[in-house]
PDB file of all heavy atoms in Angstrom:
ATOM      1  N   THR A   1     210.278 -31.951-179.088  1.00  0.00           N
ATOM      2  CA  THR A   1     208.995 -31.347-179.434  1.00  0.00           C
ATOM      3  C   THR A   1     209.145 -29.839-179.617  1.00  0.00           C
ATOM      4  O   THR A   1     208.625 -29.263-180.577  1.00  0.00           O
ATOM      5  CB  THR A   1     207.947 -31.655-178.346  1.00  0.00           C
ATOM      6  OG1 THR A   1     207.820 -33.072-178.230  1.00  0.00           O
ATOM      7  CG2 THR A   1     206.609 -31.034-178.658  1.00  0.00           C
ATOM      8  N   VAL A   2     209.854 -29.195-178.708  1.00  0.00           N
ATOM      9  CA  VAL A   2     210.103 -27.751-178.815  1.00  0.00           C
ATOM     10  C   VAL A   2     210.864 -27.463-180.101  1.00  0.00           C
ATOM     11  O   VAL A   2     210.498 -26.566-180.875  1.00  0.00           O
ATOM     12  CB  VAL A   2     210.890 -27.219-177.595  1.00  0.00           C
ATOM     13  CG1 VAL A   2     211.316 -25.769-177.805  1.00  0.00           C
ATOM     14  CG2 VAL A   2     210.069 -27.355-176.323  1.00  0.00           C
ATOM     15  N   SER A   3     211.903 -28.206-180.351  1.00  0.00           N
ATOM     16  CA  SER A   3     212.726 -28.011-181.541  1.00  0.00           C
ATOM     17  C   SER A   3     211.909 -28.174-182.817  1.00  0.00           C
ATOM     18  O   SER A   3     211.978 -27.341-183.724  1.00  0.00           O
ATOM     19  CB  SER A   3     213.902 -28.988-181.522  1.00  0.00           C
ATOM     20  OG  SER A   3     214.715 -28.796-182.644  1.00  0.00           O
ATOM     21  N   ALA A   4     211.124 -29.237-182.891  1.00  0.00           N
ATOM     22  CA  ALA A   4     210.311 -29.477-184.087  1.00  0.00           C
ATOM     23  C   ALA A   4     209.267 -28.375-184.277  1.00  0.00           C
ATOM     24  O   ALA A   4     209.053 -27.892-185.397  1.00  0.00           O
ATOM     25  CB  ALA A   4     209.630 -30.840-183.989  1.00  0.00           C
ATOM     26  N   PHE A   5     208.640 -27.937-183.192  1.00  0.00           N
ATOM     27  CA  PHE A   5     207.625 -26.890-183.269  1.00  0.00           C
ATOM     28  C   PHE A   5     208.240 -25.582-183.766  1.00  0.00           C
ATOM     29  O   PHE A   5     207.663 -24.887-184.602  1.00  0.00           O
ATOM     30  CB  PHE A   5     206.957 -26.694-181.907  1.00  0.00           C
ATOM     31  CG  PHE A   5     205.877 -25.657-181.909  1.00  0.00           C
ATOM     32  CD1 PHE A   5     204.654 -25.912-182.502  1.00  0.00           C
ATOM     33  CD2 PHE A   5     206.080 -24.427-181.305  1.00  0.00           C
ATOM     34  CE1 PHE A   5     203.648 -24.943-182.511  1.00  0.00           C
ATOM     35  CE2 PHE A   5     205.086 -23.458-181.306  1.00  0.00           C
ATOM     36  CZ  PHE A   5     203.866 -23.715-181.907  1.00  0.00           C
ATOM     37  N   GLU A   6     209.423 -25.252-183.268  1.00  0.00           N
ATOM     38  CA  GLU A   6     210.079 -24.009-183.684  1.00  0.00           C
ATOM     39  C   GLU A   6     210.510 -24.051-185.151  1.00  0.00           C
ATOM     40  O   GLU A   6     210.677 -23.005-185.777  1.00  0.00           O
ATOM     41  CB  GLU A   6     211.290 -23.727-182.800  1.00  0.00           C
ATOM     42  CG  GLU A   6     210.889 -23.320-181.407  1.00  0.00           C
ATOM     43  CD  GLU A   6     212.060 -23.004-180.498  1.00  0.00           C
ATOM     44  OE1 GLU A   6     213.213 -23.386-180.821  1.00  0.00           O
ATOM     45  OE2 GLU A   6     211.827 -22.373-179.457  1.00  0.00           O
ATOM     46  N   LYS A   7     210.633 -25.231-185.692  1.00  0.00           N
ATOM     47  CA  LYS A   7     210.980 -25.385-187.113  1.00  0.00           C
ATOM     48  C   LYS A   7     209.745 -25.492-187.998  1.00  0.00           C
ATOM     49  O   LYS A   7     209.837 -25.785-189.177  1.00  0.00           O
ATOM     50  CB  LYS A   7     211.860 -26.620-187.301  1.00  0.00           C
ATOM     51  CG  LYS A   7     213.224 -26.471-186.681  1.00  0.00           C
ATOM     52  CD  LYS A   7     214.040 -27.750-186.817  1.00  0.00           C
ATOM     53  CE  LYS A   7     215.379 -27.587-186.110  1.00  0.00           C
ATOM     54  NZ  LYS A   7     216.104 -28.851-186.039  1.00  0.00           N
ATOM     55  N   GLY A   8     208.563 -25.280-187.394  1.00  0.00           N
ATOM     56  CA  GLY A   8     207.329 -25.284-188.164  1.00  0.00           C
ATOM     57  C   GLY A   8     206.551 -26.580-188.110  1.00  0.00           C
ATOM     58  O   GLY A   8     205.546 -26.725-188.797  1.00  0.00           O
ATOM     59  N   GLY A   9     207.005 -27.504-187.293  1.00  0.00           N
ATOM     60  CA  GLY A   9     206.311 -28.773-187.154  1.00  0.00           C
ATOM     61  C   GLY A   9     205.022 -28.639-186.361  1.00  0.00           C
ATOM     62  O   GLY A   9     204.802 -27.656-185.658  1.00  0.00           O
ATOM     63  N   ALA A  10     204.185 -29.633-186.504  1.00  0.00           N
ATOM     64  CA  ALA A  10     202.909 -29.639-185.786  1.00  0.00           C
ATOM     65  C   ALA A  10     203.123 -30.020-184.323  1.00  0.00           C
ATOM     66  O   ALA A  10     204.090 -30.695-183.981  1.00  0.00           O
ATOM     67  CB  ALA A  10     201.955 -30.634-186.444  1.00  0.00           C
ATOM     68  N   ALA A  11     202.204 -29.568-183.491  1.00  0.00           N
ATOM     69  CA  ALA A  11     202.208 -29.939-182.075  1.00  0.00           C
ATOM     70  C   ALA A  11     200.769 -29.935-181.592  1.00  0.00           C
ATOM     71  O   ALA A  11     199.933 -29.171-182.094  1.00  0.00           O
ATOM     72  CB  ALA A  11     203.042 -28.963-181.249  1.00  0.00           C
ATOM     73  N   LEU A  12     200.489 -30.782-180.634  1.00  0.00           N
ATOM     74  CA  LEU A  12     199.160 -30.814-180.043  1.00  0.00           C
ATOM     75  C   LEU A  12     198.858 -29.479-179.372  1.00  0.00           C
ATOM     76  O   LEU A  12     199.756 -28.814-178.834  1.00  0.00           O
ATOM     77  CB  LEU A  12     199.073 -31.925-178.998  1.00  0.00           C
ATOM     78  CG  LEU A  12     199.240 -33.354-179.495  1.00  0.00           C
ATOM     79  CD1 LEU A  12     199.315 -34.308-178.305  1.00  0.00           C
ATOM     80  CD2 LEU A  12     198.105 -33.731-180.423  1.00  0.00           C
ATOM     81  N   THR A  13     197.605 -29.104-179.371  1.00  0.00           N
ATOM     82  CA  THR A  13     197.192 -27.857-178.721  1.00  0.00           C
ATOM     83  C   THR A  13     197.594 -27.845-177.254  1.00  0.00           C
ATOM     84  O   THR A  13     198.056 -26.817-176.738  1.00  0.00           O
ATOM     85  CB  THR A  13     195.674 -27.658-178.853  1.00  0.00           C
ATOM     86  OG1 THR A  13     195.334 -27.662-180.240  1.00  0.00           O
ATOM     87  CG2 THR A  13     195.215 -26.359-178.227  1.00  0.00           C
ATOM     88  N   THR A  14     197.464 -28.978-176.602  1.00  0.00           N
ATOM     89  CA  THR A  14     197.832 -29.037-175.176  1.00  0.00           C
ATOM     90  C   THR A  14     199.324 -28.790-174.989  1.00  0.00           C
ATOM     91  O   THR A  14     199.729 -28.163-174.009  1.00  0.00           O
ATOM     92  CB  THR A  14     197.449 -30.394-174.559  1.00  0.00           C
ATOM     93  OG1 THR A  14     198.030 -31.446-175.332  1.00  0.00           O
ATOM     94  CG2 THR A  14     195.952 -30.571-174.502  1.00  0.00           C
ATOM     95  N   THR A  15     200.139 -29.251-175.924  1.00  0.00           N
ATOM     96  CA  THR A  15     201.586 -29.044-175.847  1.00  0.00           C
ATOM     97  C   THR A  15     201.921 -27.570-176.053  1.00  0.00           C
ATOM     98  O   THR A  15     202.733 -26.994-175.315  1.00  0.00           O
ATOM     99  CB  THR A  15     202.309 -29.909-176.894  1.00  0.00           C
ATOM    100  OG1 THR A  15     201.997 -31.280-176.649  1.00  0.00           O
ATOM    101  CG2 THR A  15     203.808 -29.704-176.855  1.00  0.00           C
ATOM    102  N   VAL A  16     201.286 -26.956-177.031  1.00  0.00           N
ATOM    103  CA  VAL A  16     201.500 -25.532-177.286  1.00  0.00           C
ATOM    104  C   VAL A  16     201.060 -24.717-176.070  1.00  0.00           C
ATOM    105  O   VAL A  16     201.749 -23.779-175.667  1.00  0.00           O
ATOM    106  CB  VAL A  16     200.759 -25.079-178.564  1.00  0.00           C
ATOM    107  CG1 VAL A  16     200.878 -23.575-178.763  1.00  0.00           C
ATOM    108  CG2 VAL A  16     201.286 -25.826-179.780  1.00  0.00           C
ATOM    109  N   ASP A  17     199.951 -25.092-175.477  1.00  0.00           N
ATOM    110  CA  ASP A  17     199.471 -24.398-174.281  1.00  0.00           C
ATOM    111  C   ASP A  17     200.472 -24.512-173.131  1.00  0.00           C
ATOM    112  O   ASP A  17     200.686 -23.545-172.391  1.00  0.00           O
ATOM    113  CB  ASP A  17     198.118 -24.949-173.838  1.00  0.00           C
ATOM    114  CG  ASP A  17     196.982 -24.523-174.747  1.00  0.00           C
ATOM    115  OD1 ASP A  17     197.162 -23.582-175.552  1.00  0.00           O
ATOM    116  OD2 ASP A  17     195.909 -25.150-174.649  1.00  0.00           O
ATOM    117  N   LYS A  18     201.094 -25.661-172.981  1.00  0.00           N
ATOM    118  CA  LYS A  18     202.103 -25.841-171.930  1.00  0.00           C
ATOM    119  C   LYS A  18     203.297 -24.921-172.154  1.00  0.00           C
ATOM    120  O   LYS A  18     203.811 -24.301-171.218  1.00  0.00           O
ATOM    121  CB  LYS A  18     202.576 -27.290-171.870  1.00  0.00           C
ATOM    122  CG  LYS A  18     201.564 -28.245-171.308  1.00  0.00           C
ATOM    123  CD  LYS A  18     202.110 -29.668-171.339  1.00  0.00           C
ATOM    124  CE  LYS A  18     201.099 -30.670-170.821  1.00  0.00           C
ATOM    125  NZ  LYS A  18     201.642 -32.045-170.849  1.00  0.00           N
ATOM    126  N   MET A  19     203.753 -24.834-173.403  1.00  0.00           N
ATOM    127  CA  MET A  19     204.892 -23.959-173.708  1.00  0.00           C
ATOM    128  C   MET A  19     204.515 -22.497-173.495  1.00  0.00           C
ATOM    129  O   MET A  19     205.283 -21.733-172.907  1.00  0.00           O
ATOM    130  CB  MET A  19     205.377 -24.204-175.140  1.00  0.00           C
ATOM    131  CG  MET A  19     206.007 -25.564-175.333  1.00  0.00           C
ATOM    132  SD  MET A  19     206.785 -25.796-176.952  1.00  0.00           S
ATOM    133  CE  MET A  19     205.360 -25.993-178.016  1.00  0.00           C
ATOM    134  N   LYS A  20     203.322 -22.129-173.954  1.00  0.00           N
ATOM    135  CA  LYS A  20     202.856 -20.751-173.776  1.00  0.00           C
ATOM    136  C   LYS A  20     202.751 -20.402-172.293  1.00  0.00           C
ATOM    137  O   LYS A  20     203.186 -19.335-171.862  1.00  0.00           O
ATOM    138  CB  LYS A  20     201.503 -20.576-174.470  1.00  0.00           C
ATOM    139  CG  LYS A  20     200.957 -19.182-174.426  1.00  0.00           C
ATOM    140  CD  LYS A  20     199.653 -19.079-175.196  1.00  0.00           C
ATOM    141  CE  LYS A  20     199.078 -17.681-175.138  1.00  0.00           C
ATOM    142  NZ  LYS A  20     197.813 -17.588-175.893  1.00  0.00           N
ATOM    143  N   HIS A  21     202.191 -21.304-171.511  1.00  0.00           N
ATOM    144  CA  HIS A  21     202.048 -21.084-170.068  1.00  0.00           C
ATOM    145  C   HIS A  21     203.412 -20.885-169.404  1.00  0.00           C
ATOM    146  O   HIS A  21     203.579 -19.988-168.572  1.00  0.00           O
ATOM    147  CB  HIS A  21     201.295 -22.250-169.432  1.00  0.00           C
ATOM    148  CG  HIS A  21     201.091 -22.091-167.965  1.00  0.00           C
ATOM    149  ND1 HIS A  21     200.175 -21.223-167.426  1.00  0.00           N
ATOM    150  CD2 HIS A  21     201.722 -22.668-166.916  1.00  0.00           C
ATOM    151  CE1 HIS A  21     200.236 -21.275-166.110  1.00  0.00           C
ATOM    152  NE2 HIS A  21     201.163 -22.151-165.768  1.00  0.00           N
ATOM    153  N   ALA A  22     204.380 -21.710-169.779  1.00  0.00           N
ATOM    154  CA  ALA A  22     205.724 -21.587-169.200  1.00  0.00           C
ATOM    155  C   ALA A  22     206.319 -20.213-169.508  1.00  0.00           C
ATOM    156  O   ALA A  22     206.951 -19.593-168.648  1.00  0.00           O
ATOM    157  CB  ALA A  22     206.629 -22.697-169.732  1.00  0.00           C
ATOM    158  N   LEU A  23     206.111 -19.721-170.719  1.00  0.00           N
ATOM    159  CA  LEU A  23     206.632 -18.408-171.099  1.00  0.00           C
ATOM    160  C   LEU A  23     205.896 -17.293-170.356  1.00  0.00           C
ATOM    161  O   LEU A  23     206.521 -16.353-169.862  1.00  0.00           O
ATOM    162  CB  LEU A  23     206.509 -18.214-172.612  1.00  0.00           C
ATOM    163  CG  LEU A  23     207.361 -19.159-173.458  1.00  0.00           C
ATOM    164  CD1 LEU A  23     206.921 -19.119-174.906  1.00  0.00           C
ATOM    165  CD2 LEU A  23     208.844 -18.837-173.322  1.00  0.00           C
ATOM    166  N   LEU A  24     204.581 -17.402-170.257  1.00  0.00           N
ATOM    167  CA  LEU A  24     203.794 -16.381-169.563  1.00  0.00           C
ATOM    168  C   LEU A  24     204.107 -16.319-168.074  1.00  0.00           C
ATOM    169  O   LEU A  24     204.030 -15.246-167.467  1.00  0.00           O
ATOM    170  CB  LEU A  24     202.300 -16.627-169.783  1.00  0.00           C
ATOM    171  CG  LEU A  24     201.785 -16.361-171.189  1.00  0.00           C
ATOM    172  CD1 LEU A  24     200.342 -16.834-171.317  1.00  0.00           C
ATOM    173  CD2 LEU A  24     201.909 -14.893-171.555  1.00  0.00           C
ATOM    174  N   GLU A  25     204.452 -17.447-167.496  1.00  0.00           N
ATOM    175  CA  GLU A  25     204.768 -17.515-166.061  1.00  0.00           C
ATOM    176  C   GLU A  25     205.939 -16.610-165.683  1.00  0.00           C
ATOM    177  O   GLU A  25     206.068 -16.224-164.523  1.00  0.00           O
ATOM    178  CB  GLU A  25     205.087 -18.959-165.658  1.00  0.00           C
ATOM    179  CG  GLU A  25     203.869 -19.822-165.462  1.00  0.00           C
ATOM    180  CD  GLU A  25     203.120 -19.470-164.192  1.00  0.00           C
ATOM    181  OE1 GLU A  25     203.704 -19.559-163.105  1.00  0.00           O
ATOM    182  OE2 GLU A  25     201.940 -19.091-164.306  1.00  0.00           O
ATOM    183  N   THR A  26     206.779 -16.255-166.644  1.00  0.00           N
ATOM    184  CA  THR A  26     207.916 -15.380-166.350  1.00  0.00           C
ATOM    185  C   THR A  26     207.473 -13.969-166.016  1.00  0.00           C
ATOM    186  O   THR A  26     208.222 -13.213-165.400  1.00  0.00           O
ATOM    187  CB  THR A  26     208.884 -15.302-167.549  1.00  0.00           C
ATOM    188  OG1 THR A  26     208.231 -14.630-168.639  1.00  0.00           O
ATOM    189  CG2 THR A  26     209.362 -16.676-167.976  1.00  0.00           C
ATOM    190  N   GLY A  27     206.269 -13.602-166.459  1.00  0.00           N
ATOM    191  CA  GLY A  27     205.791 -12.239-166.265  1.00  0.00           C
ATOM    192  C   GLY A  27     206.401 -11.255-167.240  1.00  0.00           C
ATOM    193  O   GLY A  27     206.145 -10.054-167.157  1.00  0.00           O
ATOM    194  N   ARG A  28     207.192 -11.739-168.167  1.00  0.00           N
ATOM    195  CA  ARG A  28     207.870 -10.862-169.129  1.00  0.00           C
ATOM    196  C   ARG A  28     207.373 -11.022-170.554  1.00  0.00           C
ATOM    197  O   ARG A  28     207.691 -10.205-171.407  1.00  0.00           O
ATOM    198  CB  ARG A  28     209.381 -11.117-169.100  1.00  0.00           C
ATOM    199  CG  ARG A  28     210.034 -10.734-167.792  1.00  0.00           C
ATOM    200  CD  ARG A  28     211.520 -10.997-167.795  1.00  0.00           C
ATOM    201  NE  ARG A  28     212.167 -10.467-168.967  1.00  0.00           N
ATOM    202  CZ  ARG A  28     213.275 -10.986-169.505  1.00  0.00           C
ATOM    203  NH1 ARG A  28     213.858 -12.034-168.968  1.00  0.00           N
ATOM    204  NH2 ARG A  28     213.813 -10.462-170.586  1.00  0.00           N
ATOM    205  N   VAL A  29     206.612 -12.073-170.816  1.00  0.00           N
ATOM    206  CA  VAL A  29     206.172 -12.367-172.178  1.00  0.00           C
ATOM    207  C   VAL A  29     204.707 -11.994-172.335  1.00  0.00           C
ATOM    208  O   VAL A  29     203.887 -12.283-171.466  1.00  0.00           O
ATOM    209  CB  VAL A  29     206.374 -13.865-172.504  1.00  0.00           C
ATOM    210  CG1 VAL A  29     205.811 -14.214-173.871  1.00  0.00           C
ATOM    211  CG2 VAL A  29     207.850 -14.228-172.426  1.00  0.00           C
ATOM    212  N   ARG A  30     204.392 -11.320-173.454  1.00  0.00           N
ATOM    213  CA  ARG A  30     203.019 -10.963-173.787  1.00  0.00           C
ATOM    214  C   ARG A  30     202.731 -11.425-175.213  1.00  0.00           C
ATOM    215  O   ARG A  30     203.521 -11.190-176.118  1.00  0.00           O
ATOM    216  CB  ARG A  30     202.812  -9.444-173.728  1.00  0.00           C
ATOM    217  CG  ARG A  30     202.955  -8.871-172.360  1.00  0.00           C
ATOM    218  CD  ARG A  30     202.780  -7.347-172.355  1.00  0.00           C
ATOM    219  NE  ARG A  30     203.972  -6.705-172.924  1.00  0.00           N
ATOM    220  CZ  ARG A  30     203.971  -5.938-174.018  1.00  0.00           C
ATOM    221  NH1 ARG A  30     202.862  -5.703-174.681  1.00  0.00           N
ATOM    222  NH2 ARG A  30     205.084  -5.393-174.461  1.00  0.00           N
ATOM    223  N   PHE A  31     201.604 -12.088-175.399  1.00  0.00           N
ATOM    224  CA  PHE A  31     201.152 -12.475-176.729  1.00  0.00           C
ATOM    225  C   PHE A  31     200.084 -11.474-177.140  1.00  0.00           C
ATOM    226  O   PHE A  31     199.128 -11.242-176.402  1.00  0.00           O
ATOM    227  CB  PHE A  31     200.576 -13.898-176.710  1.00  0.00           C
ATOM    228  CG  PHE A  31     201.621 -14.945-176.474  1.00  0.00           C
ATOM    229  CD1 PHE A  31     201.962 -15.323-175.188  1.00  0.00           C
ATOM    230  CD2 PHE A  31     202.283 -15.543-177.534  1.00  0.00           C
ATOM    231  CE1 PHE A  31     202.929 -16.290-174.957  1.00  0.00           C
ATOM    232  CE2 PHE A  31     203.261 -16.504-177.320  1.00  0.00           C
ATOM    233  CZ  PHE A  31     203.587 -16.872-176.029  1.00  0.00           C
ATOM    234  N   ASP A  32     200.252 -10.863-178.315  1.00  0.00           N
ATOM    235  CA  ASP A  32     199.355  -9.796-178.747  1.00  0.00           C
ATOM    236  C   ASP A  32     198.687 -10.165-180.073  1.00  0.00           C
ATOM    237  O   ASP A  32     198.927  -9.533-181.102  1.00  0.00           O
ATOM    238  CB  ASP A  32     200.131  -8.489-178.863  1.00  0.00           C
ATOM    239  CG  ASP A  32     199.232  -7.295-179.102  1.00  0.00           C
ATOM    240  OD1 ASP A  32     198.012  -7.397-178.861  1.00  0.00           O
ATOM    241  OD2 ASP A  32     199.739  -6.254-179.546  1.00  0.00           O
ATOM    242  N   GLY A  33     197.877 -11.193-180.055  1.00  0.00           N
ATOM    243  CA  GLY A  33     197.118 -11.592-181.240  1.00  0.00           C
ATOM    244  C   GLY A  33     197.960 -11.664-182.488  1.00  0.00           C
ATOM    245  O   GLY A  33     199.010 -12.298-182.514  1.00  0.00           O
ATOM    246  N   ASP A  34     197.525 -10.970-183.530  1.00  0.00           N
ATOM    247  CA  ASP A  34     198.228 -10.988-184.816  1.00  0.00           C
ATOM    248  C   ASP A  34     199.487 -10.134-184.814  1.00  0.00           C
ATOM    249  O   ASP A  34     200.252 -10.168-185.775  1.00  0.00           O
ATOM    250  CB  ASP A  34     197.298 -10.499-185.929  1.00  0.00           C
ATOM    251  CG  ASP A  34     196.145 -11.447-186.174  1.00  0.00           C
ATOM    252  OD1 ASP A  34     196.276 -12.644-185.847  1.00  0.00           O
ATOM    253  OD2 ASP A  34     195.110 -10.986-186.690  1.00  0.00           O
ATOM    254  N   ASN A  35     199.695  -9.359-183.759  1.00  0.00           N
ATOM    255  CA  ASN A  35     200.848  -8.468-183.712  1.00  0.00           C
ATOM    256  C   ASN A  35     202.123  -9.140-183.227  1.00  0.00           C
ATOM    257  O   ASN A  35     203.188  -8.558-183.295  1.00  0.00           O
ATOM    258  CB  ASN A  35     200.548  -7.247-182.840  1.00  0.00           C
ATOM    259  CG  ASN A  35     199.459  -6.393-183.439  1.00  0.00           C
ATOM    260  OD1 ASN A  35     199.430  -6.179-184.641  1.00  0.00           O
ATOM    261  ND2 ASN A  35     198.556  -5.931-182.615  1.00  0.00           N
ATOM    262  N   GLY A  36     202.016 -10.340-182.696  1.00  0.00           N
ATOM    263  CA  GLY A  36     203.206 -11.081-182.316  1.00  0.00           C
ATOM    264  C   GLY A  36     203.381 -11.280-180.831  1.00  0.00           C
ATOM    265  O   GLY A  36     202.447 -11.185-180.045  1.00  0.00           O
ATOM    266  N   VAL A  37     204.627 -11.533-180.489  1.00  0.00           N
ATOM    267  CA  VAL A  37     205.012 -11.827-179.120  1.00  0.00           C
ATOM    268  C   VAL A  37     205.989 -10.754-178.669  1.00  0.00           C
ATOM    269  O   VAL A  37     206.893 -10.371-179.403  1.00  0.00           O
ATOM    270  CB  VAL A  37     205.701 -13.208-179.030  1.00  0.00           C
ATOM    271  CG1 VAL A  37     206.163 -13.495-177.620  1.00  0.00           C
ATOM    272  CG2 VAL A  37     204.775 -14.298-179.531  1.00  0.00           C
ATOM    273  N   PHE A  38     205.811 -10.291-177.459  1.00  0.00           N
ATOM    274  CA  PHE A  38     206.682  -9.261-176.908  1.00  0.00           C
ATOM    275  C   PHE A  38     207.317  -9.760-175.624  1.00  0.00           C
ATOM    276  O   PHE A  38     206.648 -10.386-174.797  1.00  0.00           O
ATOM    277  CB  PHE A  38     205.888  -7.984-176.632  1.00  0.00           C
ATOM    278  CG  PHE A  38     205.251  -7.423-177.864  1.00  0.00           C
ATOM    279  CD1 PHE A  38     203.966  -7.797-178.228  1.00  0.00           C
ATOM    280  CD2 PHE A  38     205.944  -6.553-178.680  1.00  0.00           C
ATOM    281  CE1 PHE A  38     203.370  -7.302-179.377  1.00  0.00           C
ATOM    282  CE2 PHE A  38     205.358  -6.047-179.836  1.00  0.00           C
ATOM    283  CZ  PHE A  38     204.073  -6.423-180.191  1.00  0.00           C
ATOM    284  N   VAL A  39     208.599  -9.468-175.458  1.00  0.00           N
ATOM    285  CA  VAL A  39     209.328  -9.829-174.243  1.00  0.00           C
ATOM    286  C   VAL A  39     209.818  -8.536-173.611  1.00  0.00           C
ATOM    287  O   VAL A  39     210.585  -7.795-174.218  1.00  0.00           O
ATOM    288  CB  VAL A  39     210.520 -10.764-174.544  1.00  0.00           C
ATOM    289  CG1 VAL A  39     211.257 -11.121-173.270  1.00  0.00           C
ATOM    290  CG2 VAL A  39     210.041 -12.023-175.259  1.00  0.00           C
ATOM    291  N   ASP A  40     209.322  -8.289-172.407  1.00  0.00           N
ATOM    292  CA  ASP A  40     209.731  -7.092-171.683  1.00  0.00           C
ATOM    293  C   ASP A  40     211.126  -7.259-171.117  1.00  0.00           C
ATOM    294  O   ASP A  40     211.524  -8.356-170.711  1.00  0.00           O
ATOM    295  CB  ASP A  40     208.762  -6.791-170.545  1.00  0.00           C
ATOM    296  CG  ASP A  40     207.367  -6.453-171.046  1.00  0.00           C
ATOM    297  OD1 ASP A  40     207.265  -5.786-172.101  1.00  0.00           O
ATOM    298  OD2 ASP A  40     206.395  -6.856-170.391  1.00  0.00           O
ATOM    299  N   ASP A  41     211.851  -6.167-171.068  1.00  0.00           N
ATOM    300  CA  ASP A  41     213.183  -6.161-170.473  1.00  0.00           C
ATOM    301  C   ASP A  41     213.065  -6.510-169.007  1.00  0.00           C
ATOM    302  O   ASP A  41     212.154  -6.077-168.307  1.00  0.00           O
ATOM    303  CB  ASP A  41     213.794  -4.768-170.643  1.00  0.00           C
ATOM    304  CG  ASP A  41     215.227  -4.656-170.195  1.00  0.00           C
ATOM    305  OD1 ASP A  41     215.755  -5.614-169.575  1.00  0.00           O
ATOM    306  OD2 ASP A  41     215.849  -3.616-170.459  1.00  0.00           O
ATOM    307  N   VAL A  42     214.011  -7.279-168.519  1.00  0.00           N
ATOM    308  CA  VAL A  42     213.995  -7.716-167.112  1.00  0.00           C
ATOM    309  C   VAL A  42     213.961  -6.516-166.162  1.00  0.00           C
ATOM    310  O   VAL A  42     213.407  -6.590-165.077  1.00  0.00           O
ATOM    311  CB  VAL A  42     215.174  -8.651-166.812  1.00  0.00           C
ATOM    312  CG1 VAL A  42     216.496  -7.925-166.832  1.00  0.00           C
ATOM    313  CG2 VAL A  42     214.975  -9.346-165.488  1.00  0.00           C
ATOM    314  N   ASN A  43     214.519  -5.379-166.569  1.00  0.00           N
ATOM    315  CA  ASN A  43     214.549  -4.204-165.705  1.00  0.00           C
ATOM    316  C   ASN A  43     213.215  -3.452-165.699  1.00  0.00           C
ATOM    317  O   ASN A  43     213.023  -2.570-164.876  1.00  0.00           O
ATOM    318  CB  ASN A  43     215.660  -3.247-166.172  1.00  0.00           C
ATOM    319  CG  ASN A  43     217.023  -3.873-166.005  1.00  0.00           C
ATOM    320  OD1 ASN A  43     217.281  -4.544-165.016  1.00  0.00           O
ATOM    321  ND2 ASN A  43     217.880  -3.698-166.988  1.00  0.00           N
ATOM    322  N   GLN A  44     212.306  -3.815-166.613  1.00  0.00           N
ATOM    323  CA  GLN A  44     211.017  -3.140-166.678  1.00  0.00           C
ATOM    324  C   GLN A  44     209.932  -3.880-165.923  1.00  0.00           C
ATOM    325  O   GLN A  44     208.832  -3.394-165.776  1.00  0.00           O
ATOM    326  CB  GLN A  44     210.573  -2.983-168.135  1.00  0.00           C
ATOM    327  CG  GLN A  44     211.474  -2.074-168.932  1.00  0.00           C
ATOM    328  CD  GLN A  44     211.056  -2.022-170.385  1.00  0.00           C
ATOM    329  OE1 GLN A  44     210.261  -2.818-170.858  1.00  0.00           O
ATOM    330  NE2 GLN A  44     211.616  -1.085-171.110  1.00  0.00           N
ATOM    331  N   VAL A  45     210.216  -5.085-165.452  1.00  0.00           N
ATOM    332  CA  VAL A  45     209.193  -5.891-164.787  1.00  0.00           C
ATOM    333  C   VAL A  45     209.138  -5.552-163.319  1.00  0.00           C
ATOM    334  O   VAL A  45     210.061  -5.237-162.684  1.00  0.00           O
ATOM    335  CB  VAL A  45     209.495  -7.397-164.995  1.00  0.00           C
ATOM    336  CG1 VAL A  45     208.508  -8.240-164.229  1.00  0.00           C
ATOM    337  CG2 VAL A  45     209.441  -7.703-166.467  1.00  0.00           C
TER     338      VAL A  45
END
């Protein structure tokens, strides 16, 4: 599912939310609307 989604495939909203939540849980990932996704350096957290 992750592989297909990253290649532009469709995914259920609940599945996308699960992936987003897992990334946000790191405390290093920020989603900024239309501006994209940002990953903070591990030394900045």
